[in-house]
Amino acid sequence: MKADPILQELEVIKERLAAEANGDTRRFLDQMEAWLEEHPHAGPTVNSPEELQARLRAREAAEPPRPRGKPYRVHDPIIAEVRRTREKLYRERKTAPLILKDEPPRKKR
């Protein structure tokens, strides 16, 4: 979906509402408040983040837990190659001898 048609529709609606209020912001807000009184919100309202978190916790507690299972994985040859390379490096580091350098570490400039 492209954003241009959405922005154009929003602009048309904004212009229509501004024309209805004759460009007066106070009149527009009064019209909006009158509409809200005529069409009250039927669903529950949340007045604070704490109330929303409490509702979410109650909803999660009421729902059955999701079944645990292995996540679906698609075979990706690039990721498989990275895993093989990492395993190979890990095995090499595990068996390779530790080599100490005789020179002191370089100072950062």
PDB file of N, CA and C in Angstrom:
ATOM      1  N   MET A   1       0.852  -1.168   0.000  1.00  0.00           N
ATOM      2  CA  MET A   1       0.000   0.000   0.000  1.00  0.00           C
ATOM      3  C   MET A   1       0.898   1.232   0.000  1.00  0.00           C
ATOM      4  N   LYS A   2       0.612   2.142  -0.902  1.00  0.00           N
ATOM      5  CA  LYS A   2       1.417   3.339  -1.014  1.00  0.00           C
ATOM      6  C   LYS A   2       0.874   4.404  -0.076  1.00  0.00           C
ATOM      7  N   ALA A   3       1.748   5.266   0.383  1.00  0.00           N
ATOM      8  CA  ALA A   3       1.356   6.303   1.340  1.00  0.00           C
ATOM      9  C   ALA A   3       0.674   7.474   0.652  1.00  0.00           C
ATOM     10  N   ASP A   4       0.951   7.714  -0.615  1.00  0.00           N
ATOM     11  CA  ASP A   4       0.395   8.886  -1.296  1.00  0.00           C
ATOM     12  C   ASP A   4      -1.134   8.932  -1.274  1.00  0.00           C
ATOM     13  N   PRO A   5      -1.858   7.851  -1.632  1.00  0.00           N
ATOM     14  CA  PRO A   5      -3.320   7.916  -1.566  1.00  0.00           C
ATOM     15  C   PRO A   5      -3.834   8.168  -0.148  1.00  0.00           C
ATOM     16  N   ILE A   6      -3.155   7.615   0.834  1.00  0.00           N
ATOM     17  CA  ILE A   6      -3.569   7.820   2.224  1.00  0.00           C
ATOM     18  C   ILE A   6      -3.386   9.278   2.611  1.00  0.00           C
ATOM     19  N   LEU A   7      -2.233   9.841   2.259  1.00  0.00           N
ATOM     20  CA  LEU A   7      -1.985  11.250   2.572  1.00  0.00           C
ATOM     21  C   LEU A   7      -2.962  12.156   1.827  1.00  0.00           C
ATOM     22  N   GLN A   8      -3.279  11.809   0.591  1.00  0.00           N
ATOM     23  CA  GLN A   8      -4.238  12.613  -0.163  1.00  0.00           C
ATOM     24  C   GLN A   8      -5.617  12.568   0.494  1.00  0.00           C
ATOM     25  N   GLU A   9      -6.031  11.383   0.935  1.00  0.00           N
ATOM     26  CA  GLU A   9      -7.331  11.260   1.590  1.00  0.00           C
ATOM     27  C   GLU A   9      -7.361  12.043   2.903  1.00  0.00           C
ATOM     28  N   LEU A  10      -6.273  11.983   3.662  1.00  0.00           N
ATOM     29  CA  LEU A  10      -6.204  12.756   4.901  1.00  0.00           C
ATOM     30  C   LEU A  10      -6.297  14.254   4.626  1.00  0.00           C
ATOM     31  N   GLU A  11      -5.642  14.688   3.564  1.00  0.00           N
ATOM     32  CA  GLU A  11      -5.675  16.109   3.207  1.00  0.00           C
ATOM     33  C   GLU A  11      -7.086  16.536   2.817  1.00  0.00           C
ATOM     34  N   VAL A  12      -7.794  15.684   2.067  1.00  0.00           N
ATOM     35  CA  VAL A  12      -9.174  15.993   1.675  1.00  0.00           C
ATOM     36  C   VAL A  12     -10.065  16.091   2.903  1.00  0.00           C
ATOM     37  N   ILE A  13      -9.909  15.160   3.833  1.00  0.00           N
ATOM     38  CA  ILE A  13     -10.727  15.171   5.054  1.00  0.00           C
ATOM     39  C   ILE A  13     -10.408  16.405   5.890  1.00  0.00           C
ATOM     40  N   LYS A  14      -9.127  16.729   5.996  1.00  0.00           N
ATOM     41  CA  LYS A  14      -8.722  17.911   6.765  1.00  0.00           C
ATOM     42  C   LYS A  14      -9.325  19.177   6.165  1.00  0.00           C
ATOM     43  N   GLU A  15      -9.290  19.284   4.839  1.00  0.00           N
ATOM     44  CA  GLU A  15      -9.856  20.456   4.177  1.00  0.00           C
ATOM     45  C   GLU A  15     -11.370  20.524   4.372  1.00  0.00           C
ATOM     46  N   ARG A  16     -12.045  19.366   4.324  1.00  0.00           N
ATOM     47  CA  ARG A  16     -13.504  19.346   4.511  1.00  0.00           C
ATOM     48  C   ARG A  16     -13.879  19.788   5.921  1.00  0.00           C
ATOM     49  N   LEU A  17     -13.137  19.263   6.919  1.00  0.00           N
ATOM     50  CA  LEU A  17     -13.432  19.635   8.302  1.00  0.00           C
ATOM     51  C   LEU A  17     -13.112  21.107   8.553  1.00  0.00           C
ATOM     52  N   ALA A  18     -12.050  21.607   7.956  1.00  0.00           N
ATOM     53  CA  ALA A  18     -11.716  23.025   8.105  1.00  0.00           C
ATOM     54  C   ALA A  18     -12.778  23.893   7.455  1.00  0.00           C
ATOM     55  N   ALA A  19     -13.326  23.443   6.321  1.00  0.00           N
ATOM     56  CA  ALA A  19     -14.382  24.216   5.651  1.00  0.00           C
ATOM     57  C   ALA A  19     -15.654  24.229   6.484  1.00  0.00           C
ATOM     58  N   GLU A  20     -15.974  23.089   7.128  1.00  0.00           N
ATOM     59  CA  GLU A  20     -17.159  23.033   7.983  1.00  0.00           C
ATOM     60  C   GLU A  20     -17.048  24.000   9.156  1.00  0.00           C
ATOM     61  N   ALA A  21     -15.836  24.205   9.660  1.00  0.00           N
ATOM     62  CA  ALA A  21     -15.625  25.098  10.802  1.00  0.00           C
ATOM     63  C   ALA A  21     -15.190  26.492  10.360  1.00  0.00           C
ATOM     64  N   ASN A  22     -15.192  26.760   9.043  1.00  0.00           N
ATOM     65  CA  ASN A  22     -14.752  28.046   8.499  1.00  0.00           C
ATOM     66  C   ASN A  22     -13.341  28.409   8.961  1.00  0.00           C
ATOM     67  N   GLY A  23     -12.491  27.427   9.127  1.00  0.00           N
ATOM     68  CA  GLY A  23     -11.100  27.668   9.515  1.00  0.00           C
ATOM     69  C   GLY A  23     -10.919  28.046  10.979  1.00  0.00           C
ATOM     70  N   ASP A  24     -11.988  27.990  11.773  1.00  0.00           N
ATOM     71  CA  ASP A  24     -11.918  28.377  13.187  1.00  0.00           C
ATOM     72  C   ASP A  24     -11.619  27.134  14.028  1.00  0.00           C
ATOM     73  N   THR A  25     -10.460  27.103  14.651  1.00  0.00           N
ATOM     74  CA  THR A  25     -10.052  25.942  15.439  1.00  0.00           C
ATOM     75  C   THR A  25     -10.975  25.716  16.627  1.00  0.00           C
ATOM     76  N   ARG A  26     -11.374  26.774  17.323  1.00  0.00           N
ATOM     77  CA  ARG A  26     -12.263  26.634  18.480  1.00  0.00           C
ATOM     78  C   ARG A  26     -13.586  26.014  18.058  1.00  0.00           C
ATOM     79  N   ARG A  27     -14.142  26.472  16.930  1.00  0.00           N
ATOM     80  CA  ARG A  27     -15.408  25.929  16.443  1.00  0.00           C
ATOM     81  C   ARG A  27     -15.237  24.450  16.083  1.00  0.00           C
ATOM     82  N   PHE A  28     -14.106  24.102  15.453  1.00  0.00           N
ATOM     83  CA  PHE A  28     -13.836  22.712  15.094  1.00  0.00           C
ATOM     84  C   PHE A  28     -13.804  21.837  16.338  1.00  0.00           C
ATOM     85  N   LEU A  29     -13.110  22.296  17.388  1.00  0.00           N
ATOM     86  CA  LEU A  29     -13.015  21.512  18.619  1.00  0.00           C
ATOM     87  C   LEU A  29     -14.369  21.385  19.296  1.00  0.00           C
ATOM     88  N   ASP A  30     -15.183  22.455  19.242  1.00  0.00           N
ATOM     89  CA  ASP A  30     -16.534  22.372  19.801  1.00  0.00           C
ATOM     90  C   ASP A  30     -17.375  21.350  19.042  1.00  0.00           C
ATOM     91  N   GLN A  31     -17.246  21.342  17.712  1.00  0.00           N
ATOM     92  CA  GLN A  31     -17.975  20.360  16.908  1.00  0.00           C
ATOM     93  C   GLN A  31     -17.518  18.940  17.245  1.00  0.00           C
ATOM     94  N   MET A  32     -16.219  18.774  17.460  1.00  0.00           N
ATOM     95  CA  MET A  32     -15.698  17.459  17.797  1.00  0.00           C
ATOM     96  C   MET A  32     -16.217  16.996  19.156  1.00  0.00           C
ATOM     97  N   GLU A  33     -16.232  17.885  20.140  1.00  0.00           N
ATOM     98  CA  GLU A  33     -16.755  17.522  21.460  1.00  0.00           C
ATOM     99  C   GLU A  33     -18.229  17.163  21.380  1.00  0.00           C
ATOM    100  N   ALA A  34     -19.018  17.893  20.587  1.00  0.00           N
ATOM    101  CA  ALA A  34     -20.441  17.581  20.420  1.00  0.00           C
ATOM    102  C   ALA A  34     -20.617  16.209  19.780  1.00  0.00           C
ATOM    103  N   TRP A  35     -19.783  15.899  18.782  1.00  0.00           N
ATOM    104  CA  TRP A  35     -19.874  14.598  18.134  1.00  0.00           C
ATOM    105  C   TRP A  35     -19.539  13.488  19.122  1.00  0.00           C
ATOM    106  N   LEU A  36     -18.499  13.710  19.951  1.00  0.00           N
ATOM    107  CA  LEU A  36     -18.112  12.702  20.930  1.00  0.00           C
ATOM    108  C   LEU A  36     -19.213  12.465  21.957  1.00  0.00           C
ATOM    109  N   GLU A  37     -19.947  13.502  22.319  1.00  0.00           N
ATOM    110  CA  GLU A  37     -21.061  13.322  23.257  1.00  0.00           C
ATOM    111  C   GLU A  37     -22.189  12.537  22.616  1.00  0.00           C
ATOM    112  N   GLU A  38     -22.417  12.745  21.327  1.00  0.00           N
ATOM    113  CA  GLU A  38     -23.471  12.015  20.619  1.00  0.00           C
ATOM    114  C   GLU A  38     -23.067  10.565  20.350  1.00  0.00           C
ATOM    115  N   HIS A  39     -21.792  10.303  20.214  1.00  0.00           N
ATOM    116  CA  HIS A  39     -21.292   8.970  19.888  1.00  0.00           C
ATOM    117  C   HIS A  39     -20.284   8.528  20.957  1.00  0.00           C
ATOM    118  N   PRO A  40     -20.769   8.139  22.140  1.00  0.00           N
ATOM    119  CA  PRO A  40     -19.829   7.751  23.196  1.00  0.00           C
ATOM    120  C   PRO A  40     -19.116   6.440  22.843  1.00  0.00           C
ATOM    121  N   HIS A  41     -17.928   6.307  23.379  1.00  0.00           N
ATOM    122  CA  HIS A  41     -17.131   5.103  23.173  1.00  0.00           C
ATOM    123  C   HIS A  41     -17.766   3.947  23.935  1.00  0.00           C
ATOM    124  N   ALA A  42     -18.026   2.842  23.238  1.00  0.00           N
ATOM    125  CA  ALA A  42     -18.741   1.728  23.858  1.00  0.00           C
ATOM    126  C   ALA A  42     -17.815   0.786  24.619  1.00  0.00           C
ATOM    127  N   GLY A  43     -16.564   0.753  24.264  1.00  0.00           N
ATOM    128  CA  GLY A  43     -15.645  -0.196  24.874  1.00  0.00           C
ATOM    129  C   GLY A  43     -15.007   0.338  26.137  1.00  0.00           C
ATOM    130  N   PRO A  44     -14.180  -0.492  26.766  1.00  0.00           N
ATOM    131  CA  PRO A  44     -13.495  -0.052  27.983  1.00  0.00           C
ATOM    132  C   PRO A  44     -12.417   0.986  27.645  1.00  0.00           C
ATOM    133  N   THR A  45     -12.157   1.857  28.585  1.00  0.00           N
ATOM    134  CA  THR A  45     -11.114   2.860  28.414  1.00  0.00           C
ATOM    135  C   THR A  45     -10.005   2.602  29.430  1.00  0.00           C
ATOM    136  N   VAL A  46      -8.814   3.018  29.084  1.00  0.00           N
ATOM    137  CA  VAL A  46      -7.653   2.863  29.959  1.00  0.00           C
ATOM    138  C   VAL A  46      -7.141   4.266  30.265  1.00  0.00           C
ATOM    139  N   ASN A  47      -6.949   4.564  31.534  1.00  0.00           N
ATOM    140  CA  ASN A  47      -6.563   5.911  31.938  1.00  0.00           C
ATOM    141  C   ASN A  47      -5.099   6.056  32.320  1.00  0.00           C
ATOM    142  N   SER A  48      -4.373   4.934  32.426  1.00  0.00           N
ATOM    143  CA  SER A  48      -2.966   5.035  32.802  1.00  0.00           C
ATOM    144  C   SER A  48      -2.215   3.799  32.315  1.00  0.00           C
ATOM    145  N   PRO A  49      -0.895   3.903  32.185  1.00  0.00           N
ATOM    146  CA  PRO A  49      -0.112   2.717  31.785  1.00  0.00           C
ATOM    147  C   PRO A  49      -0.215   1.591  32.810  1.00  0.00           C
ATOM    148  N   GLU A  50      -0.322   1.951  34.090  1.00  0.00           N
ATOM    149  CA  GLU A  50      -0.426   0.922  35.130  1.00  0.00           C
ATOM    150  C   GLU A  50      -1.721   0.129  34.972  1.00  0.00           C
ATOM    151  N   GLU A  51      -2.810   0.829  34.646  1.00  0.00           N
ATOM    152  CA  GLU A  51      -4.091   0.154  34.454  1.00  0.00           C
ATOM    153  C   GLU A  51      -4.019  -0.780  33.236  1.00  0.00           C
ATOM    154  N   LEU A  52      -3.349  -0.342  32.183  1.00  0.00           N
ATOM    155  CA  LEU A  52      -3.190  -1.178  31.003  1.00  0.00           C
ATOM    156  C   LEU A  52      -2.371  -2.419  31.332  1.00  0.00           C
ATOM    157  N   GLN A  53      -1.280  -2.269  32.086  1.00  0.00           N
ATOM    158  CA  GLN A  53      -0.461  -3.414  32.467  1.00  0.00           C
ATOM    159  C   GLN A  53      -1.256  -4.388  33.327  1.00  0.00           C
ATOM    160  N   ALA A  54      -2.066  -3.865  34.243  1.00  0.00           N
ATOM    161  CA  ALA A  54      -2.887  -4.732  35.092  1.00  0.00           C
ATOM    162  C   ALA A  54      -3.885  -5.518  34.242  1.00  0.00           C
ATOM    163  N   ARG A  55      -4.493  -4.853  33.257  1.00  0.00           N
ATOM    164  CA  ARG A  55      -5.440  -5.551  32.387  1.00  0.00           C
ATOM    165  C   ARG A  55      -4.735  -6.634  31.573  1.00  0.00           C
ATOM    166  N   LEU A  56      -3.552  -6.325  31.073  1.00  0.00           N
ATOM    167  CA  LEU A  56      -2.811  -7.317  30.299  1.00  0.00           C
ATOM    168  C   LEU A  56      -2.421  -8.522  31.149  1.00  0.00           C
ATOM    169  N   ARG A  57      -1.982  -8.271  32.392  1.00  0.00           N
ATOM    170  CA  ARG A  57      -1.630  -9.381  33.283  1.00  0.00           C
ATOM    171  C   ARG A  57      -2.843 -10.250  33.582  1.00  0.00           C
ATOM    172  N   ALA A  58      -4.006  -9.625  33.822  1.00  0.00           N
ATOM    173  CA  ALA A  58      -5.218 -10.385  34.098  1.00  0.00           C
ATOM    174  C   ALA A  58      -5.629 -11.205  32.873  1.00  0.00           C
ATOM    175  N   ARG A  59      -5.490 -10.610  31.688  1.00  0.00           N
ATOM    176  CA  ARG A  59      -5.859 -11.322  30.463  1.00  0.00           C
ATOM    177  C   ARG A  59      -4.921 -12.493  30.217  1.00  0.00           C
ATOM    178  N   GLU A  60      -3.612 -12.283  30.426  1.00  0.00           N
ATOM    179  CA  GLU A  60      -2.654 -13.369  30.227  1.00  0.00           C
ATOM    180  C   GLU A  60      -2.865 -14.486  31.238  1.00  0.00           C
ATOM    181  N   ALA A  61      -3.253 -14.139  32.460  1.00  0.00           N
ATOM    182  CA  ALA A  61      -3.494 -15.156  33.482  1.00  0.00           C
ATOM    183  C   ALA A  61      -4.736 -15.983  33.138  1.00  0.00           C
ATOM    184  N   ALA A  62      -5.726 -15.370  32.488  1.00  0.00           N
ATOM    185  CA  ALA A  62      -6.956 -16.079  32.150  1.00  0.00           C
ATOM    186  C   ALA A  62      -6.788 -16.968  30.929  1.00  0.00           C
ATOM    187  N   GLU A  63      -5.853 -16.646  30.053  1.00  0.00           N
ATOM    188  CA  GLU A  63      -5.657 -17.431  28.837  1.00  0.00           C
ATOM    189  C   GLU A  63      -4.831 -18.680  29.147  1.00  0.00           C
ATOM    190  N   PRO A  64      -5.091 -19.775  28.434  1.00  0.00           N
ATOM    191  CA  PRO A  64      -4.263 -20.965  28.635  1.00  0.00           C
ATOM    192  C   PRO A  64      -2.859 -20.698  28.108  1.00  0.00           C
ATOM    193  N   PRO A  65      -1.858 -21.331  28.710  1.00  0.00           N
ATOM    194  CA  PRO A  65      -0.488 -21.103  28.239  1.00  0.00           C
ATOM    195  C   PRO A  65      -0.298 -21.654  26.826  1.00  0.00           C
ATOM    196  N   ARG A  66       0.567 -21.007  26.096  1.00  0.00           N
ATOM    197  CA  ARG A  66       0.855 -21.459  24.740  1.00  0.00           C
ATOM    198  C   ARG A  66       1.667 -22.751  24.801  1.00  0.00           C
ATOM    199  N   PRO A  67       1.401 -23.669  23.876  1.00  0.00           N
ATOM    200  CA  PRO A  67       2.165 -24.927  23.885  1.00  0.00           C
ATOM    201  C   PRO A  67       3.613 -24.666  23.506  1.00  0.00           C
ATOM    202  N   ARG A  68       4.506 -25.301  24.239  1.00  0.00           N
ATOM    203  CA  ARG A  68       5.932 -25.164  23.948  1.00  0.00           C
ATOM    204  C   ARG A  68       6.284 -26.143  22.834  1.00  0.00           C
ATOM    205  N   GLY A  69       7.042 -25.673  21.914  1.00  0.00           N
ATOM    206  CA  GLY A  69       7.473 -26.526  20.822  1.00  0.00           C
ATOM    207  C   GLY A  69       8.673 -25.898  20.147  1.00  0.00           C
ATOM    208  N   LYS A  70       9.228 -26.656  19.250  1.00  0.00           N
ATOM    209  CA  LYS A  70      10.365 -26.129  18.520  1.00  0.00           C
ATOM    210  C   LYS A  70       9.863 -25.088  17.520  1.00  0.00           C
ATOM    211  N   PRO A  71      10.565 -23.976  17.417  1.00  0.00           N
ATOM    212  CA  PRO A  71      10.138 -22.976  16.441  1.00  0.00           C
ATOM    213  C   PRO A  71      10.377 -23.477  15.022  1.00  0.00           C
ATOM    214  N   TYR A  72       9.539 -23.032  14.142  1.00  0.00           N
ATOM    215  CA  TYR A  72       9.677 -23.418  12.739  1.00  0.00           C
ATOM    216  C   TYR A  72      10.904 -22.733  12.165  1.00  0.00           C
ATOM    217  N   ARG A  73      11.755 -23.511  11.549  1.00  0.00           N
ATOM    218  CA  ARG A  73      12.971 -22.960  10.957  1.00  0.00           C
ATOM    219  C   ARG A  73      13.035 -23.340   9.484  1.00  0.00           C
ATOM    220  N   VAL A  74      13.376 -22.374   8.697  1.00  0.00           N
ATOM    221  CA  VAL A  74      13.578 -22.611   7.276  1.00  0.00           C
ATOM    222  C   VAL A  74      15.066 -22.837   7.070  1.00  0.00           C
ATOM    223  N   HIS A  75      15.428 -23.834   6.269  1.00  0.00           N
ATOM    224  CA  HIS A  75      16.845 -24.088   6.016  1.00  0.00           C
ATOM    225  C   HIS A  75      17.391 -22.982   5.132  1.00  0.00           C
ATOM    226  N   ASP A  76      18.360 -22.270   5.654  1.00  0.00           N
ATOM    227  CA  ASP A  76      19.021 -21.202   4.917  1.00  0.00           C
ATOM    228  C   ASP A  76      20.472 -21.630   4.724  1.00  0.00           C
ATOM    229  N   PRO A  77      20.922 -21.809   3.491  1.00  0.00           N
ATOM    230  CA  PRO A  77      22.284 -22.292   3.276  1.00  0.00           C
ATOM    231  C   PRO A  77      23.351 -21.335   3.803  1.00  0.00           C
ATOM    232  N   ILE A  78      23.082 -20.056   3.790  1.00  0.00           N
ATOM    233  CA  ILE A  78      24.071 -19.089   4.295  1.00  0.00           C
ATOM    234  C   ILE A  78      24.228 -19.239   5.800  1.00  0.00           C
ATOM    235  N   ILE A  79      23.102 -19.318   6.512  1.00  0.00           N
ATOM    236  CA  ILE A  79      23.157 -19.484   7.968  1.00  0.00           C
ATOM    237  C   ILE A  79      23.780 -20.832   8.322  1.00  0.00           C
ATOM    238  N   ALA A  80      23.473 -21.878   7.539  1.00  0.00           N
ATOM    239  CA  ALA A  80      24.075 -23.190   7.787  1.00  0.00           C
ATOM    240  C   ALA A  80      25.589 -23.115   7.625  1.00  0.00           C
ATOM    241  N   GLU A  81      26.068 -22.396   6.621  1.00  0.00           N
ATOM    242  CA  GLU A  81      27.513 -22.242   6.413  1.00  0.00           C
ATOM    243  C   GLU A  81      28.150 -21.474   7.563  1.00  0.00           C
ATOM    244  N   VAL A  82      27.472 -20.430   8.047  1.00  0.00           N
ATOM    245  CA  VAL A  82      27.988 -19.669   9.188  1.00  0.00           C
ATOM    246  C   VAL A  82      28.093 -20.569  10.415  1.00  0.00           C
ATOM    247  N   ARG A  83      27.094 -21.391  10.648  1.00  0.00           N
ATOM    248  CA  ARG A  83      27.129 -22.295  11.803  1.00  0.00           C
ATOM    249  C   ARG A  83      28.281 -23.296  11.682  1.00  0.00           C
ATOM    250  N   ARG A  84      28.456 -23.859  10.475  1.00  0.00           N
ATOM    251  CA  ARG A  84      29.564 -24.801  10.288  1.00  0.00           C
ATOM    252  C   ARG A  84      30.903 -24.106  10.529  1.00  0.00           C
ATOM    253  N   THR A  85      31.050 -22.889  10.042  1.00  0.00           N
ATOM    254  CA  THR A  85      32.297 -22.142  10.226  1.00  0.00           C
ATOM    255  C   THR A  85      32.541 -21.851  11.701  1.00  0.00           C
ATOM    256  N   ARG A  86      31.512 -21.454  12.409  1.00  0.00           N
ATOM    257  CA  ARG A  86      31.653 -21.180  13.848  1.00  0.00           C
ATOM    258  C   ARG A  86      32.054 -22.433  14.613  1.00  0.00           C
ATOM    259  N   GLU A  87      31.399 -23.555  14.289  1.00  0.00           N
ATOM    260  CA  GLU A  87      31.748 -24.815  14.964  1.00  0.00           C
ATOM    261  C   GLU A  87      33.195 -25.202  14.690  1.00  0.00           C
ATOM    262  N   LYS A  88      33.637 -25.015  13.440  1.00  0.00           N
ATOM    263  CA  LYS A  88      35.017 -25.333  13.076  1.00  0.00           C
ATOM    264  C   LYS A  88      35.991 -24.433  13.847  1.00  0.00           C
ATOM    265  N   LEU A  89      35.706 -23.132  13.910  1.00  0.00           N
ATOM    266  CA  LEU A  89      36.566 -22.208  14.654  1.00  0.00           C
ATOM    267  C   LEU A  89      36.600 -22.555  16.136  1.00  0.00           C
ATOM    268  N   TYR A  90      35.440 -22.922  16.686  1.00  0.00           N
ATOM    269  CA  TYR A  90      35.386 -23.289  18.095  1.00  0.00           C
ATOM    270  C   TYR A  90      36.257 -24.519  18.370  1.00  0.00           C
ATOM    271  N   ARG A  91      36.167 -25.545  17.498  1.00  0.00           N
ATOM    272  CA  ARG A  91      36.986 -26.750  17.670  1.00  0.00           C
ATOM    273  C   ARG A  91      38.467 -26.421  17.542  1.00  0.00           C
ATOM    274  N   GLU A  92      38.826 -25.551  16.585  1.00  0.00           N
ATOM    275  CA  GLU A  92      40.230 -25.180  16.402  1.00  0.00           C
ATOM    276  C   GLU A  92      40.758 -24.417  17.610  1.00  0.00           C
ATOM    277  N   ARG A  93      39.961 -23.512  18.136  1.00  0.00           N
ATOM    278  CA  ARG A  93      40.405 -22.746  19.308  1.00  0.00           C
ATOM    279  C   ARG A  93      40.543 -23.637  20.532  1.00  0.00           C
ATOM    280  N   LYS A  94      39.691 -24.636  20.609  1.00  0.00           N
ATOM    281  CA  LYS A  94      39.714 -25.536  21.765  1.00  0.00           C
ATOM    282  C   LYS A  94      40.980 -26.394  21.772  1.00  0.00           C
ATOM    283  N   THR A  95      41.428 -26.796  20.590  1.00  0.00           N
ATOM    284  CA  THR A  95      42.585 -27.687  20.513  1.00  0.00           C
ATOM    285  C   THR A  95      43.881 -26.951  20.190  1.00  0.00           C
ATOM    286  N   ALA A  96      43.813 -25.718  19.721  1.00  0.00           N
ATOM    287  CA  ALA A  96      45.028 -24.991  19.320  1.00  0.00           C
ATOM    288  C   ALA A  96      45.806 -24.555  20.563  1.00  0.00           C
ATOM    289  N   PRO A  97      47.140 -24.593  20.452  1.00  0.00           N
ATOM    290  CA  PRO A  97      47.958 -24.132  21.585  1.00  0.00           C
ATOM    291  C   PRO A  97      47.874 -22.614  21.723  1.00  0.00           C
ATOM    292  N   LEU A  98      48.085 -22.146  22.928  1.00  0.00           N
ATOM    293  CA  LEU A  98      48.067 -20.720  23.205  1.00  0.00           C
ATOM    294  C   LEU A  98      49.438 -20.147  22.874  1.00  0.00           C
ATOM    295  N   ILE A  99      49.473 -19.115  22.048  1.00  0.00           N
ATOM    296  CA  ILE A  99      50.733 -18.506  21.633  1.00  0.00           C
ATOM    297  C   ILE A  99      50.820 -17.118  22.245  1.00  0.00           C
ATOM    298  N   LEU A 100      51.909 -16.899  22.979  1.00  0.00           N
ATOM    299  CA  LEU A 100      52.124 -15.592  23.584  1.00  0.00           C
ATOM    300  C   LEU A 100      53.117 -14.803  22.739  1.00  0.00           C
ATOM    301  N   LYS A 101      52.861 -13.537  22.548  1.00  0.00           N
ATOM    302  CA  LYS A 101      53.765 -12.685  21.781  1.00  0.00           C
ATOM    303  C   LYS A 101      54.777 -12.072  22.734  1.00  0.00           C
ATOM    304  N   ASP A 102      56.013 -11.935  22.254  1.00  0.00           N
ATOM    305  CA  ASP A 102      57.064 -11.342  23.073  1.00  0.00           C
ATOM    306  C   ASP A 102      57.035  -9.818  23.052  1.00  0.00           C
ATOM    307  N   GLU A 103      56.336  -9.233  22.130  1.00  0.00           N
ATOM    308  CA  GLU A 103      56.322  -7.777  22.036  1.00  0.00           C
ATOM    309  C   GLU A 103      55.212  -7.195  22.908  1.00  0.00           C
ATOM    310  N   PRO A 104      55.432  -6.007  23.468  1.00  0.00           N
ATOM    311  CA  PRO A 104      54.412  -5.391  24.312  1.00  0.00           C
ATOM    312  C   PRO A 104      53.235  -4.910  23.466  1.00  0.00           C
ATOM    313  N   PRO A 105      52.101  -4.739  24.093  1.00  0.00           N
ATOM    314  CA  PRO A 105      50.941  -4.262  23.336  1.00  0.00           C
ATOM    315  C   PRO A 105      51.154  -2.824  22.844  1.00  0.00           C
ATOM    316  N   ARG A 106      50.578  -2.516  21.708  1.00  0.00           N
ATOM    317  CA  ARG A 106      50.706  -1.175  21.144  1.00  0.00           C
ATOM    318  C   ARG A 106      49.813  -0.208  21.896  1.00  0.00           C
ATOM    319  N   LYS A 107      50.326   1.022  22.022  1.00  0.00           N
ATOM    320  CA  LYS A 107      49.512   2.058  22.665  1.00  0.00           C
ATOM    321  C   LYS A 107      48.613   2.696  21.623  1.00  0.00           C
ATOM    322  N   LYS A 108      47.379   2.960  22.023  1.00  0.00           N
ATOM    323  CA  LYS A 108      46.423   3.603  21.116  1.00  0.00           C
ATOM    324  C   LYS A 108      46.720   5.092  21.085  1.00  0.00           C
ATOM    325  N   ARG A 109      46.616   5.647  19.925  1.00  0.00           N
ATOM    326  CA  ARG A 109      46.892   7.089  19.753  1.00  0.00           C
ATOM    327  C   ARG A 109      45.672   7.907  20.001  1.00  0.00           C
TER     328      ARG A 109
END
